Amino acid sequence: MNKFNVVEKIGSAAMHISNCLDDPQNIVSILKAKVWEDDLDPIAVGPLCFVHNEEPAYKEIDEAMMQAASIFLSSTGRDISDYKKTDNFYRIAKWQEGKSIYPHKDTFVSETGENQAVVSLVMYLTDKYEGGILTLTQFEKEIRTKAGDILVFNSDTYHEISTHLGGERITARIFLYNK
């Protein structure tokens, strides 16, 4: 199967891309050895860990995320060279049963305070769970993903995640900013 298959494009706002990782389970196995910490964010969904740029899993996650971003951006007439990451790590969340996220946009200011998120990327590392479905609320569009899929969308797109009902739901996220 070819990598980076566009499953669906939702106007110029979002794109679901499948088969972005060779072996998502390998990354999940690497993550099991990491220290998971409680997330202190008011909308925390479960314990977190971080994959930093010097760690083995970082390169695979980063290459997949940036390739997916490039595919999405080029489909909307934009170029990835006009965007940057402000973090040298990926935030990984292990969702707890009963957690959800209300409708929101990802249009917050970067930690450096210099600009606002423009593109959001979510990588799905597992798919053996119930609930926890991301919905692009302004389009009334549920996105059903599999392990290794990436959802890329404009950060000003309203979205929510339904209640996680059980199973292992692990996601990675990153945001891109204008240069």
Foldseek 3Di string as FASTA:
>chain_A
DDAFQFPDDDPLFKTKTARLAPALVVVVVVCVPFDWAFDPDPQAFATKDKAAQVDPVLVSVVVSQLVNVQVSQVVNVHHCVQKDFPGRIKIKGWGDAFHKWDWDFQFDADPVRPHTFFKKKKAWSAQPWPFFWKAQVVVRRTDRYHHRMMMMGTRRGIMMGTGTHDDTTMMIMTTMTGD
